[in-house]
């Protein structure tokens, strides 16, 4: 069966202050996570408890919580709280302490006042539920020592000198052999170079002489092999003589006079341009639907405006305007607009076409 102590502990996870009527109130305080290098531990964030004996007025939080969770009335919940307070006070007075599991311990000091010591492992912060204090352990790294055995070899000074002397003799003999072979190869290379230069010179001389011969002797049968040579005959044939354009002579046509009888002439009437075209219209509304425009037109005609008409839009997508009348000058249109506005109890404006 759930006791009042359990309800108090559950409320401390949800609320910052839980008051026990006629006893005191618990107040939670937030404390962020800490790293203590001196004590060598990491402490998670927590809500630690403090007790205030002056908070004795019932705010209804604890009694409502008990009544809701146990399905009892408020009166029954208050009775349970009262019995819990009496038990706690008796325990403090006679047993010198009273414990609430997971919350803390109540004691009485020399002055007869209640003191509260919170539980060390209690943490009422839901985000840190299950987290405990972690002790930091220093790790020590021991570097292994590798023993290297030194091998001492005793070599006599005489033996070292003999080794170096024999090496010097071998290298000098090899140098002599290399120099000798190098001289022979140099002589062979020089002869080959001279022969190559002679052949290149002869070949270039032959090319030069043949080019001059081909350039000077145009009538030679071998001149056709020259890709840059063109005979004069061929050049002349490439250009055609200009052709003169023959323009035929056009003789002017002879005009024969025609006699016209005056009686057969028909008089054409001169068109009369009407300068009195209406350019200013008194508009009472613009509509997207033709039906609405016709309704407005009927209203105007019923009010006595016989000249009312519908102005069709010039382009697709524009609104249909309803005019109360058209005028040649703007002043007359303004006077008519005032009359129309009073008659139909609606604003009117001037549209200039």
C-alpha atoms as a PDB file:
ATOM      1  CA  UNK A   1       0.000   0.000   0.000  1.00  0.00           C
ATOM      2  CA  UNK A   2       1.314   3.425  -0.942  1.00  0.00           C
ATOM      3  CA  UNK A   3       2.089   5.619   2.050  1.00  0.00           C
ATOM      4  CA  UNK A   4       2.299   9.373   2.457  1.00  0.00           C
ATOM      5  CA  UNK A   5       6.109   9.106   2.380  1.00  0.00           C
ATOM      6  CA  UNK A   6       6.000   7.610  -1.121  1.00  0.00           C
ATOM      7  CA  UNK A   7       3.678  10.359  -2.358  1.00  0.00           C
ATOM      8  CA  UNK A   8       6.020  13.011  -0.957  1.00  0.00           C
ATOM      9  CA  UNK A   9       9.023  11.421  -2.693  1.00  0.00           C
ATOM     10  CA  UNK A  10       7.166  11.208  -6.042  1.00  0.00           C
ATOM     11  CA  UNK A  11       6.035  14.834  -5.844  1.00  0.00           C
ATOM     12  CA  UNK A  12       9.613  16.021  -5.266  1.00  0.00           C
ATOM     13  CA  UNK A  13      10.521  14.756  -8.772  1.00  0.00           C
ATOM     14  CA  UNK A  14       7.757  16.905 -10.298  1.00  0.00           C
ATOM     15  CA  UNK A  15       7.528  19.997  -8.055  1.00  0.00           C
ATOM     16  CA  UNK A  16      10.040  22.486  -6.661  1.00  0.00           C
ATOM     17  CA  UNK A  17       8.180  22.843  -3.354  1.00  0.00           C
ATOM     18  CA  UNK A  18       6.075  20.309  -1.423  1.00  0.00           C
ATOM     19  CA  UNK A  19       4.352  21.523   1.764  1.00  0.00           C
ATOM     20  CA  UNK A  20       3.302  19.125   4.552  1.00  0.00           C
ATOM     21  CA  UNK A  21       0.539  20.956   6.451  1.00  0.00           C
ATOM     22  CA  UNK A  22       1.339  21.742  10.126  1.00  0.00           C
ATOM     23  CA  UNK A  23       4.857  20.294   9.722  1.00  0.00           C
ATOM     24  CA  UNK A  24       6.982  22.157   7.124  1.00  0.00           C
ATOM     25  CA  UNK A  25       7.902  22.271   3.461  1.00  0.00           C
ATOM     26  CA  UNK A  26      10.553  20.704   1.224  1.00  0.00           C
ATOM     27  CA  UNK A  27      12.287  23.031  -1.263  1.00  0.00           C
ATOM     28  CA  UNK A  28      14.408  21.684  -4.153  1.00  0.00           C
ATOM     29  CA  UNK A  29      17.426  23.539  -5.538  1.00  0.00           C
ATOM     30  CA  UNK A  30      19.171  22.819  -8.838  1.00  0.00           C
ATOM     31  CA  UNK A  31      22.895  22.097  -8.858  1.00  0.00           C
ATOM     32  CA  UNK A  32      24.785  21.585 -12.120  1.00  0.00           C
ATOM     33  CA  UNK A  33      27.257  18.783 -12.787  1.00  0.00           C
ATOM     34  CA  UNK A  34      30.655  19.131 -11.080  1.00  0.00           C
ATOM     35  CA  UNK A  35      34.170  17.813 -11.519  1.00  0.00           C
ATOM     36  CA  UNK A  36      36.102  17.877  -8.235  1.00  0.00           C
ATOM     37  CA  UNK A  37      39.794  17.433  -8.972  1.00  0.00           C
ATOM     38  CA  UNK A  38      40.764  17.579  -5.307  1.00  0.00           C
ATOM     39  CA  UNK A  39      38.336  14.852  -4.212  1.00  0.00           C
ATOM     40  CA  UNK A  40      38.754  13.101  -7.584  1.00  0.00           C
ATOM     41  CA  UNK A  41      35.116  12.518  -8.601  1.00  0.00           C
ATOM     42  CA  UNK A  42      32.525  13.585 -11.211  1.00  0.00           C
ATOM     43  CA  UNK A  43      29.083  14.448  -9.849  1.00  0.00           C
ATOM     44  CA  UNK A  44      26.003  14.594 -12.165  1.00  0.00           C
ATOM     45  CA  UNK A  45      23.498  17.457 -12.123  1.00  0.00           C
ATOM     46  CA  UNK A  46      20.973  17.160  -9.302  1.00  0.00           C
ATOM     47  CA  UNK A  47      18.138  18.736  -7.340  1.00  0.00           C
ATOM     48  CA  UNK A  48      19.128  18.784  -3.682  1.00  0.00           C
ATOM     49  CA  UNK A  49      16.651  19.216  -0.824  1.00  0.00           C
ATOM     50  CA  UNK A  50      16.228  21.808   1.892  1.00  0.00           C
ATOM     51  CA  UNK A  51      13.570  21.878   4.632  1.00  0.00           C
ATOM     52  CA  UNK A  52      11.770  25.019   5.828  1.00  0.00           C
ATOM     53  CA  UNK A  53       9.778  24.606   9.050  1.00  0.00           C
ATOM     54  CA  UNK A  54       7.887  27.881   8.461  1.00  0.00           C
ATOM     55  CA  UNK A  55       6.032  26.536   5.404  1.00  0.00           C
ATOM     56  CA  UNK A  56       3.048  25.041   7.267  1.00  0.00           C
ATOM     57  CA  UNK A  57       0.026  26.447   5.401  1.00  0.00           C
ATOM     58  CA  UNK A  58      -1.790  23.855   3.305  1.00  0.00           C
ATOM     59  CA  UNK A  59      -1.611  24.664  -0.425  1.00  0.00           C
ATOM     60  CA  UNK A  60      -3.614  21.562  -1.357  1.00  0.00           C
ATOM     61  CA  UNK A  61      -0.859  20.046  -3.507  1.00  0.00           C
ATOM     62  CA  UNK A  62      -0.141  16.976  -1.371  1.00  0.00           C
ATOM     63  CA  UNK A  63      -3.796  16.242  -0.498  1.00  0.00           C
ATOM     64  CA  UNK A  64      -4.887  16.526  -4.170  1.00  0.00           C
ATOM     65  CA  UNK A  65      -2.081  14.204  -5.258  1.00  0.00           C
ATOM     66  CA  UNK A  66      -3.024  11.565  -2.656  1.00  0.00           C
ATOM     67  CA  UNK A  67      -6.753  11.795  -3.456  1.00  0.00           C
ATOM     68  CA  UNK A  68      -6.115  11.448  -7.211  1.00  0.00           C
ATOM     69  CA  UNK A  69      -3.678   8.530  -7.009  1.00  0.00           C
ATOM     70  CA  UNK A  70      -5.508   6.547  -4.315  1.00  0.00           C
ATOM     71  CA  UNK A  71      -9.014   7.361  -5.534  1.00  0.00           C
ATOM     72  CA  UNK A  72     -10.218   8.819  -2.221  1.00  0.00           C
ATOM     73  CA  UNK A  73     -11.817  12.094  -1.184  1.00  0.00           C
ATOM     74  CA  UNK A  74      -9.942  15.193  -0.037  1.00  0.00           C
ATOM     75  CA  UNK A  75     -11.083  14.668   3.537  1.00  0.00           C
ATOM     76  CA  UNK A  76      -9.627  11.171   3.631  1.00  0.00           C
ATOM     77  CA  UNK A  77      -6.387  12.462   2.105  1.00  0.00           C
ATOM     78  CA  UNK A  78      -6.135  15.236   4.726  1.00  0.00           C
ATOM     79  CA  UNK A  79      -6.724  12.679   7.488  1.00  0.00           C
ATOM     80  CA  UNK A  80      -3.834  10.544   6.192  1.00  0.00           C
ATOM     81  CA  UNK A  81      -1.551  13.574   6.123  1.00  0.00           C
ATOM     82  CA  UNK A  82      -2.543  14.457   9.701  1.00  0.00           C
ATOM     83  CA  UNK A  83      -1.720  10.952  10.950  1.00  0.00           C
ATOM     84  CA  UNK A  84       1.640  11.092   9.151  1.00  0.00           C
ATOM     85  CA  UNK A  85       2.512  14.419  10.816  1.00  0.00           C
ATOM     86  CA  UNK A  86       1.654  13.080  14.297  1.00  0.00           C
ATOM     87  CA  UNK A  87       3.794   9.975  13.697  1.00  0.00           C
ATOM     88  CA  UNK A  88       6.721  12.117  12.513  1.00  0.00           C
ATOM     89  CA  UNK A  89       6.568  14.439  15.531  1.00  0.00           C
ATOM     90  CA  UNK A  90       6.405  11.516  17.983  1.00  0.00           C
ATOM     91  CA  UNK A  91       9.376   9.849  16.331  1.00  0.00           C
ATOM     92  CA  UNK A  92      11.448  13.035  16.551  1.00  0.00           C
ATOM     93  CA  UNK A  93      10.480  13.640  20.187  1.00  0.00           C
ATOM     94  CA  UNK A  94      10.797  10.151  21.609  1.00  0.00           C
ATOM     95  CA  UNK A  95      13.156   8.363  19.213  1.00  0.00           C
ATOM     96  CA  UNK A  96      15.269  11.479  18.509  1.00  0.00           C
ATOM     97  CA  UNK A  97      14.873  10.939  14.746  1.00  0.00           C
ATOM     98  CA  UNK A  98      12.401  10.217  11.961  1.00  0.00           C
ATOM     99  CA  UNK A  99      13.395   8.837   8.550  1.00  0.00           C
ATOM    100  CA  UNK A 100      11.680   9.241   5.181  1.00  0.00           C
ATOM    101  CA  UNK A 101      13.151   6.625   2.852  1.00  0.00           C
ATOM    102  CA  UNK A 102      14.979   8.188  -0.096  1.00  0.00           C
ATOM    103  CA  UNK A 103      14.434  11.728   1.205  1.00  0.00           C
ATOM    104  CA  UNK A 104      16.294  12.284   4.480  1.00  0.00           C
ATOM    105  CA  UNK A 105      16.279  12.217   8.291  1.00  0.00           C
ATOM    106  CA  UNK A 106      14.599  14.590  10.783  1.00  0.00           C
ATOM    107  CA  UNK A 107      16.156  15.269  14.197  1.00  0.00           C
ATOM    108  CA  UNK A 108      15.669  17.760  17.038  1.00  0.00           C
ATOM    109  CA  UNK A 109      18.414  20.111  18.227  1.00  0.00           C
ATOM    110  CA  UNK A 110      19.057  21.443  21.736  1.00  0.00           C
ATOM    111  CA  UNK A 111      16.673  24.346  21.181  1.00  0.00           C
ATOM    112  CA  UNK A 112      13.834  21.983  20.290  1.00  0.00           C
ATOM    113  CA  UNK A 113      13.766  22.893  16.598  1.00  0.00           C
ATOM    114  CA  UNK A 114      13.476  20.338  13.814  1.00  0.00           C
ATOM    115  CA  UNK A 115      16.577  19.767  11.680  1.00  0.00           C
ATOM    116  CA  UNK A 116      16.698  17.962   8.340  1.00  0.00           C
ATOM    117  CA  UNK A 117      19.612  16.052   6.823  1.00  0.00           C
ATOM    118  CA  UNK A 118      18.980  15.051   3.161  1.00  0.00           C
ATOM    119  CA  UNK A 119      19.946  11.608   1.954  1.00  0.00           C
ATOM    120  CA  UNK A 120      23.381  11.543   0.332  1.00  0.00           C
ATOM    121  CA  UNK A 121      22.286   9.504  -2.664  1.00  0.00           C
ATOM    122  CA  UNK A 122      19.001  11.322  -3.252  1.00  0.00           C
ATOM    123  CA  UNK A 123      18.671  13.177  -6.576  1.00  0.00           C
ATOM    124  CA  UNK A 124      15.255  14.449  -7.607  1.00  0.00           C
ATOM    125  CA  UNK A 125      16.293  15.625 -11.084  1.00  0.00           C
ATOM    126  CA  UNK A 126      14.524  13.411 -13.612  1.00  0.00           C
ATOM    127  CA  UNK A 127      17.170  13.985 -16.326  1.00  0.00           C
ATOM    128  CA  UNK A 128      19.865  12.553 -14.016  1.00  0.00           C
ATOM    129  CA  UNK A 129      17.868   9.549 -12.871  1.00  0.00           C
ATOM    130  CA  UNK A 130      20.147   6.523 -12.440  1.00  0.00           C
ATOM    131  CA  UNK A 131      23.387   8.513 -12.672  1.00  0.00           C
ATOM    132  CA  UNK A 132      25.801   8.135  -9.775  1.00  0.00           C
ATOM    133  CA  UNK A 133      28.951   9.858  -8.629  1.00  0.00           C
ATOM    134  CA  UNK A 134      31.964   8.597 -10.567  1.00  0.00           C
ATOM    135  CA  UNK A 135      35.326   8.324  -8.849  1.00  0.00           C
ATOM    136  CA  UNK A 136      38.288   9.364 -10.992  1.00  0.00           C
ATOM    137  CA  UNK A 137      41.157   6.901 -10.923  1.00  0.00           C
ATOM    138  CA  UNK A 138      44.592   8.035 -11.937  1.00  0.00           C
ATOM    139  CA  UNK A 139      46.208   5.733 -14.465  1.00  0.00           C
ATOM    140  CA  UNK A 140      49.929   5.129 -14.146  1.00  0.00           C
ATOM    141  CA  UNK A 141      51.914   4.054 -17.186  1.00  0.00           C
ATOM    142  CA  UNK A 142      55.039   2.047 -16.523  1.00  0.00           C
ATOM    143  CA  UNK A 143      57.429   2.092 -19.440  1.00  0.00           C
ATOM    144  CA  UNK A 144      59.100  -1.275 -19.897  1.00  0.00           C
ATOM    145  CA  UNK A 145      62.867  -1.316 -19.674  1.00  0.00           C
ATOM    146  CA  UNK A 146      64.548  -3.083 -22.575  1.00  0.00           C
ATOM    147  CA  UNK A 147      67.981  -4.462 -21.801  1.00  0.00           C
ATOM    148  CA  UNK A 148      70.392  -4.308 -24.690  1.00  0.00           C
ATOM    149  CA  UNK A 149      73.404  -6.547 -24.473  1.00  0.00           C
ATOM    150  CA  UNK A 150      76.498  -4.869 -25.880  1.00  0.00           C
ATOM    151  CA  UNK A 151      78.829  -7.096 -27.869  1.00  0.00           C
ATOM    152  CA  UNK A 152      82.440  -6.087 -27.419  1.00  0.00           C
ATOM    153  CA  UNK A 153      84.728  -7.157 -30.254  1.00  0.00           C
ATOM    154  CA  UNK A 154      88.416  -6.750 -29.862  1.00  0.00           C
ATOM    155  CA  UNK A 155      90.172  -5.966 -33.123  1.00  0.00           C
ATOM    156  CA  UNK A 156      93.871  -5.344 -33.195  1.00  0.00           C
ATOM    157  CA  UNK A 157      95.196  -2.118 -34.661  1.00  0.00           C
ATOM    158  CA  UNK A 158      97.392  -4.068 -37.012  1.00  0.00           C
ATOM    159  CA  UNK A 159      94.479  -5.975 -38.558  1.00  0.00           C
ATOM    160  CA  UNK A 160      92.530  -2.746 -39.295  1.00  0.00           C
ATOM    161  CA  UNK A 161      95.500  -1.174 -41.082  1.00  0.00           C
ATOM    162  CA  UNK A 162      95.945  -4.276 -43.242  1.00  0.00           C
ATOM    163  CA  UNK A 163      92.271  -4.250 -44.295  1.00  0.00           C
ATOM    164  CA  UNK A 164      92.325  -0.579 -45.359  1.00  0.00           C
ATOM    165  CA  UNK A 165      95.600  -1.027 -47.260  1.00  0.00           C
ATOM    166  CA  UNK A 166      94.225  -3.948 -49.298  1.00  0.00           C
ATOM    167  CA  UNK A 167      91.043  -1.992 -50.132  1.00  0.00           C
ATOM    168  CA  UNK A 168      93.083   0.968 -51.421  1.00  0.00           C
ATOM    169  CA  UNK A 169      95.046  -1.268 -53.767  1.00  0.00           C
ATOM    170  CA  UNK A 170      91.902  -2.828 -55.229  1.00  0.00           C
ATOM    171  CA  UNK A 171      90.227   0.539 -55.930  1.00  0.00           C
ATOM    172  CA  UNK A 172      93.329   1.978 -57.652  1.00  0.00           C
ATOM    173  CA  UNK A 173      93.564  -1.041 -59.970  1.00  0.00           C
ATOM    174  CA  UNK A 174      89.903  -0.703 -60.926  1.00  0.00           C
ATOM    175  CA  UNK A 175      90.350   3.010 -61.730  1.00  0.00           C
ATOM    176  CA  UNK A 176      93.243   2.226 -64.100  1.00  0.00           C
ATOM    177  CA  UNK A 177      91.159  -0.325 -65.996  1.00  0.00           C
ATOM    178  CA  UNK A 178      88.217   2.060 -66.331  1.00  0.00           C
ATOM    179  CA  UNK A 179      90.385   4.920 -67.628  1.00  0.00           C
ATOM    180  CA  UNK A 180      91.937   2.661 -70.259  1.00  0.00           C
ATOM    181  CA  UNK A 181      88.656   1.448 -71.630  1.00  0.00           C
ATOM    182  CA  UNK A 182      87.279   4.991 -71.589  1.00  0.00           C
ATOM    183  CA  UNK A 183      90.084   6.223 -73.853  1.00  0.00           C
ATOM    184  CA  UNK A 184      89.409   3.508 -76.434  1.00  0.00           C
ATOM    185  CA  UNK A 185      85.708   4.269 -76.510  1.00  0.00           C
ATOM    186  CA  UNK A 186      86.409   8.007 -76.941  1.00  0.00           C
ATOM    187  CA  UNK A 187      88.542   7.353 -80.030  1.00  0.00           C
ATOM    188  CA  UNK A 188      85.829   5.236 -81.637  1.00  0.00           C
ATOM    189  CA  UNK A 189      83.205   7.900 -80.931  1.00  0.00           C
ATOM    190  CA  UNK A 190      85.308  10.644 -82.507  1.00  0.00           C
ATOM    191  CA  UNK A 191      85.685   8.717 -85.814  1.00  0.00           C
ATOM    192  CA  UNK A 192      81.935   8.073 -86.014  1.00  0.00           C
ATOM    193  CA  UNK A 193      81.148  11.746 -85.398  1.00  0.00           C
ATOM    194  CA  UNK A 194      83.449  12.938 -88.215  1.00  0.00           C
ATOM    195  CA  UNK A 195      81.885  10.534 -90.751  1.00  0.00           C
ATOM    196  CA  UNK A 196      78.346  11.587 -89.753  1.00  0.00           C
ATOM    197  CA  UNK A 197      79.133  15.288 -90.153  1.00  0.00           C
ATOM    198  CA  UNK A 198      80.611  14.669 -93.626  1.00  0.00           C
ATOM    199  CA  UNK A 199      77.525  12.795 -94.831  1.00  0.00           C
ATOM    200  CA  UNK A 200      75.158  15.496 -93.538  1.00  0.00           C
ATOM    201  CA  UNK A 201      77.158  18.195 -95.319  1.00  0.00           C
ATOM    202  CA  UNK A 202      77.075  16.351 -98.637  1.00  0.00           C
ATOM    203  CA  UNK A 203      73.319  15.745 -98.389  1.00  0.00           C
ATOM    204  CA  UNK A 204      72.527  19.395 -97.654  1.00  0.00           C
ATOM    205  CA  UNK A 205      74.723  20.555-100.574  1.00  0.00           C
ATOM    206  CA  UNK A 206      72.895  18.275-103.023  1.00  0.00           C
ATOM    207  CA  UNK A 207      69.513  19.586-101.833  1.00  0.00           C
ATOM    208  CA  UNK A 208      70.614  23.201-102.202  1.00  0.00           C
ATOM    209  CA  UNK A 209      71.938  22.746-105.776  1.00  0.00           C
ATOM    210  CA  UNK A 210      68.838  20.869-106.933  1.00  0.00           C
ATOM    211  CA  UNK A 211      66.564  23.579-105.528  1.00  0.00           C
ATOM    212  CA  UNK A 212      68.417  26.309-107.457  1.00  0.00           C
ATOM    213  CA  UNK A 213      68.286  24.258-110.638  1.00  0.00           C
ATOM    214  CA  UNK A 214      64.555  23.721-110.393  1.00  0.00           C
ATOM    215  CA  UNK A 215      63.898  27.395-109.691  1.00  0.00           C
ATOM    216  CA  UNK A 216      65.924  28.678-112.727  1.00  0.00           C
ATOM    217  CA  UNK A 217      64.879  26.114-115.305  1.00  0.00           C
ATOM    218  CA  UNK A 218      61.116  26.625-115.684  1.00  0.00           C
ATOM    219  CA  UNK A 219      60.907  24.756-119.014  1.00  0.00           C
ATOM    220  CA  UNK A 220      62.557  21.671-117.680  1.00  0.00           C
ATOM    221  CA  UNK A 221      60.459  18.529-117.776  1.00  0.00           C
ATOM    222  CA  UNK A 222      61.122  18.040-114.081  1.00  0.00           C
ATOM    223  CA  UNK A 223      59.566  21.401-113.178  1.00  0.00           C
ATOM    224  CA  UNK A 224      56.185  19.784-112.780  1.00  0.00           C
ATOM    225  CA  UNK A 225      57.378  18.225-109.557  1.00  0.00           C
ATOM    226  CA  UNK A 226      57.677  21.677-107.961  1.00  0.00           C
ATOM    227  CA  UNK A 227      54.444  22.243-106.040  1.00  0.00           C
ATOM    228  CA  UNK A 228      54.895  26.054-106.057  1.00  0.00           C
ATOM    229  CA  UNK A 229      55.286  26.523-109.829  1.00  0.00           C
ATOM    230  CA  UNK A 230      52.420  27.743-112.024  1.00  0.00           C
ATOM    231  CA  UNK A 231      52.706  28.450-115.753  1.00  0.00           C
ATOM    232  CA  UNK A 232      51.614  31.781-117.185  1.00  0.00           C
ATOM    233  CA  UNK A 233      49.111  30.048-119.385  1.00  0.00           C
ATOM    234  CA  UNK A 234      47.364  28.522-116.430  1.00  0.00           C
ATOM    235  CA  UNK A 235      47.170  31.868-114.622  1.00  0.00           C
ATOM    236  CA  UNK A 236      45.585  33.537-117.630  1.00  0.00           C
ATOM    237  CA  UNK A 237      42.992  30.840-117.931  1.00  0.00           C
ATOM    238  CA  UNK A 238      42.063  31.278-114.271  1.00  0.00           C
ATOM    239  CA  UNK A 239      40.645  34.765-114.893  1.00  0.00           C
ATOM    240  CA  UNK A 240      37.626  35.232-117.142  1.00  0.00           C
ATOM    241  CA  UNK A 241      37.019  38.375-119.150  1.00  0.00           C
ATOM    242  CA  UNK A 242      34.217  40.634-117.849  1.00  0.00           C
ATOM    243  CA  UNK A 243      30.878  40.290-119.647  1.00  0.00           C
ATOM    244  CA  UNK A 244      29.033  43.443-120.551  1.00  0.00           C
ATOM    245  CA  UNK A 245      25.409  43.558-119.460  1.00  0.00           C
ATOM    246  CA  UNK A 246      22.968  44.261-122.256  1.00  0.00           C
ATOM    247  CA  UNK A 247      20.079  46.434-121.079  1.00  0.00           C
ATOM    248  CA  UNK A 248      17.157  46.466-123.535  1.00  0.00           C
ATOM    249  CA  UNK A 249      15.793  49.851-124.431  1.00  0.00           C
ATOM    250  CA  UNK A 250      12.233  50.463-123.280  1.00  0.00           C
ATOM    251  CA  UNK A 251      10.204  52.825-125.377  1.00  0.00           C
ATOM    252  CA  UNK A 252       7.633  54.976-123.507  1.00  0.00           C
ATOM    253  CA  UNK A 253       4.019  53.962-124.078  1.00  0.00           C
ATOM    254  CA  UNK A 254       1.873  56.307-126.013  1.00  0.00           C
ATOM    255  CA  UNK A 255      -1.023  57.864-124.052  1.00  0.00           C
ATOM    256  CA  UNK A 256      -4.328  58.411-125.769  1.00  0.00           C
ATOM    257  CA  UNK A 257      -6.587  61.106-124.256  1.00  0.00           C
ATOM    258  CA  UNK A 258     -10.088  59.999-123.143  1.00  0.00           C
ATOM    259  CA  UNK A 259     -13.014  62.420-123.177  1.00  0.00           C
ATOM    260  CA  UNK A 260     -15.279  62.325-120.084  1.00  0.00           C
ATOM    261  CA  UNK A 261     -18.856  63.499-120.174  1.00  0.00           C
ATOM    262  CA  UNK A 262     -19.681  65.906-117.326  1.00  0.00           C
ATOM    263  CA  UNK A 263     -23.193  64.520-117.011  1.00  0.00           C
ATOM    264  CA  UNK A 264     -21.878  61.056-116.088  1.00  0.00           C
ATOM    265  CA  UNK A 265     -19.928  62.347-113.051  1.00  0.00           C
ATOM    266  CA  UNK A 266     -21.418  61.409-109.647  1.00  0.00           C
ATOM    267  CA  UNK A 267     -20.981  63.750-106.706  1.00  0.00           C
ATOM    268  CA  UNK A 268     -19.508  62.044-103.586  1.00  0.00           C
ATOM    269  CA  UNK A 269     -20.616  63.458-100.247  1.00  0.00           C
ATOM    270  CA  UNK A 270     -17.818  64.535 -97.892  1.00  0.00           C
ATOM    271  CA  UNK A 271     -17.801  62.469 -94.610  1.00  0.00           C
ATOM    272  CA  UNK A 272     -18.706  64.513 -91.556  1.00  0.00           C
ATOM    273  CA  UNK A 273     -16.398  63.930 -88.543  1.00  0.00           C
ATOM    274  CA  UNK A 274     -18.328  64.221 -85.323  1.00  0.00           C
ATOM    275  CA  UNK A 275     -16.146  66.083 -82.805  1.00  0.00           C
ATOM    276  CA  UNK A 276     -18.779  65.755 -80.114  1.00  0.00           C
ATOM    277  CA  UNK A 277     -17.856  62.138 -79.227  1.00  0.00           C
ATOM    278  CA  UNK A 278     -18.236  61.257 -75.571  1.00  0.00           C
ATOM    279  CA  UNK A 279     -14.862  60.851 -73.875  1.00  0.00           C
ATOM    280  CA  UNK A 280     -15.776  61.153 -70.176  1.00  0.00           C
ATOM    281  CA  UNK A 281     -17.986  58.517 -68.549  1.00  0.00           C
ATOM    282  CA  UNK A 282     -19.509  58.436 -65.059  1.00  0.00           C
ATOM    283  CA  UNK A 283     -18.675  54.949 -63.732  1.00  0.00           C
ATOM    284  CA  UNK A 284     -20.696  53.483 -60.872  1.00  0.00           C
ATOM    285  CA  UNK A 285     -19.007  50.092 -60.675  1.00  0.00           C
ATOM    286  CA  UNK A 286     -16.653  47.540 -62.274  1.00  0.00           C
ATOM    287  CA  UNK A 287     -17.590  43.859 -62.368  1.00  0.00           C
ATOM    288  CA  UNK A 288     -15.979  40.590 -63.358  1.00  0.00           C
ATOM    289  CA  UNK A 289     -19.293  38.932 -64.344  1.00  0.00           C
ATOM    290  CA  UNK A 290     -21.658  40.234 -67.036  1.00  0.00           C
ATOM    291  CA  UNK A 291     -24.708  39.349 -64.912  1.00  0.00           C
ATOM    292  CA  UNK A 292     -23.595  41.659 -62.084  1.00  0.00           C
ATOM    293  CA  UNK A 293     -22.957  44.472 -64.561  1.00  0.00           C
ATOM    294  CA  UNK A 294     -26.474  44.097 -66.007  1.00  0.00           C
ATOM    295  CA  UNK A 295     -27.977  44.260 -62.506  1.00  0.00           C
ATOM    296  CA  UNK A 296     -26.163  47.548 -61.885  1.00  0.00           C
ATOM    297  CA  UNK A 297     -27.384  48.847 -65.248  1.00  0.00           C
ATOM    298  CA  UNK A 298     -30.998  48.076 -64.313  1.00  0.00           C
ATOM    299  CA  UNK A 299     -30.582  49.958 -61.033  1.00  0.00           C
ATOM    300  CA  UNK A 300     -29.364  53.083 -62.879  1.00  0.00           C
ATOM    301  CA  UNK A 301     -32.177  52.983 -65.403  1.00  0.00           C
ATOM    302  CA  UNK A 302     -34.729  52.556 -62.613  1.00  0.00           C
ATOM    303  CA  UNK A 303     -33.347  55.743 -61.007  1.00  0.00           C
ATOM    304  CA  UNK A 304     -33.969  57.688 -64.233  1.00  0.00           C
ATOM    305  CA  UNK A 305     -30.539  57.535 -65.893  1.00  0.00           C
ATOM    306  CA  UNK A 306     -31.631  56.591 -69.400  1.00  0.00           C
ATOM    307  CA  UNK A 307     -28.143  57.062 -70.887  1.00  0.00           C
ATOM    308  CA  UNK A 308     -26.697  54.336 -68.663  1.00  0.00           C
ATOM    309  CA  UNK A 309     -24.723  51.700 -70.559  1.00  0.00           C
ATOM    310  CA  UNK A 310     -22.148  48.930 -70.177  1.00  0.00           C
ATOM    311  CA  UNK A 311     -18.582  49.607 -71.352  1.00  0.00           C
ATOM    312  CA  UNK A 312     -17.046  46.387 -72.586  1.00  0.00           C
ATOM    313  CA  UNK A 313     -13.388  45.872 -71.639  1.00  0.00           C
ATOM    314  CA  UNK A 314     -10.797  46.380 -74.384  1.00  0.00           C
ATOM    315  CA  UNK A 315      -8.745  43.316 -73.386  1.00  0.00           C
ATOM    316  CA  UNK A 316      -9.514  39.963 -71.836  1.00  0.00           C
ATOM    317  CA  UNK A 317      -9.230  39.784 -68.084  1.00  0.00           C
ATOM    318  CA  UNK A 318     -10.254  43.389 -67.450  1.00  0.00           C
ATOM    319  CA  UNK A 319     -13.389  44.346 -65.507  1.00  0.00           C
ATOM    320  CA  UNK A 320     -16.704  45.332 -67.091  1.00  0.00           C
ATOM    321  CA  UNK A 321     -17.539  49.000 -66.311  1.00  0.00           C
ATOM    322  CA  UNK A 322     -21.110  50.319 -65.898  1.00  0.00           C
ATOM    323  CA  UNK A 323     -21.579  53.965 -66.941  1.00  0.00           C
ATOM    324  CA  UNK A 324     -24.417  56.269 -65.912  1.00  0.00           C
ATOM    325  CA  UNK A 325     -23.726  58.473 -68.954  1.00  0.00           C
ATOM    326  CA  UNK A 326     -21.063  59.835 -71.287  1.00  0.00           C
ATOM    327  CA  UNK A 327     -20.036  63.479 -71.806  1.00  0.00           C
ATOM    328  CA  UNK A 328     -17.752  65.461 -74.081  1.00  0.00           C
ATOM    329  CA  UNK A 329     -16.175  67.518 -71.292  1.00  0.00           C
ATOM    330  CA  UNK A 330     -14.977  66.575 -67.847  1.00  0.00           C
ATOM    331  CA  UNK A 331     -16.852  69.338 -66.008  1.00  0.00           C
ATOM    332  CA  UNK A 332     -20.243  68.014 -67.101  1.00  0.00           C
ATOM    333  CA  UNK A 333     -19.195  64.511 -66.170  1.00  0.00           C
ATOM    334  CA  UNK A 334     -18.253  65.650 -62.646  1.00  0.00           C
ATOM    335  CA  UNK A 335     -21.635  67.355 -62.163  1.00  0.00           C
ATOM    336  CA  UNK A 336     -23.415  64.202 -63.307  1.00  0.00           C
ATOM    337  CA  UNK A 337     -21.278  62.061 -60.977  1.00  0.00           C
ATOM    338  CA  UNK A 338     -22.509  64.058 -57.962  1.00  0.00           C
ATOM    339  CA  UNK A 339     -26.140  63.495 -58.987  1.00  0.00           C
ATOM    340  CA  UNK A 340     -25.586  59.785 -59.563  1.00  0.00           C
ATOM    341  CA  UNK A 341     -23.883  59.305 -56.190  1.00  0.00           C
ATOM    342  CA  UNK A 342     -26.809  60.931 -54.358  1.00  0.00           C
ATOM    343  CA  UNK A 343     -29.385  58.967 -56.332  1.00  0.00           C
ATOM    344  CA  UNK A 344     -27.961  55.480 -55.857  1.00  0.00           C
ATOM    345  CA  UNK A 345     -26.204  56.207 -52.535  1.00  0.00           C
ATOM    346  CA  UNK A 346     -22.932  54.959 -53.987  1.00  0.00           C
ATOM    347  CA  UNK A 347     -19.625  56.502 -55.033  1.00  0.00           C
ATOM    348  CA  UNK A 348     -19.096  57.344 -58.714  1.00  0.00           C
ATOM    349  CA  UNK A 349     -15.909  58.211 -60.573  1.00  0.00           C
ATOM    350  CA  UNK A 350     -14.895  59.576 -63.976  1.00  0.00           C
ATOM    351  CA  UNK A 351     -13.411  57.310 -66.641  1.00  0.00           C
ATOM    352  CA  UNK A 352     -11.546  59.075 -69.441  1.00  0.00           C
ATOM    353  CA  UNK A 353     -11.604  57.111 -72.702  1.00  0.00           C
END
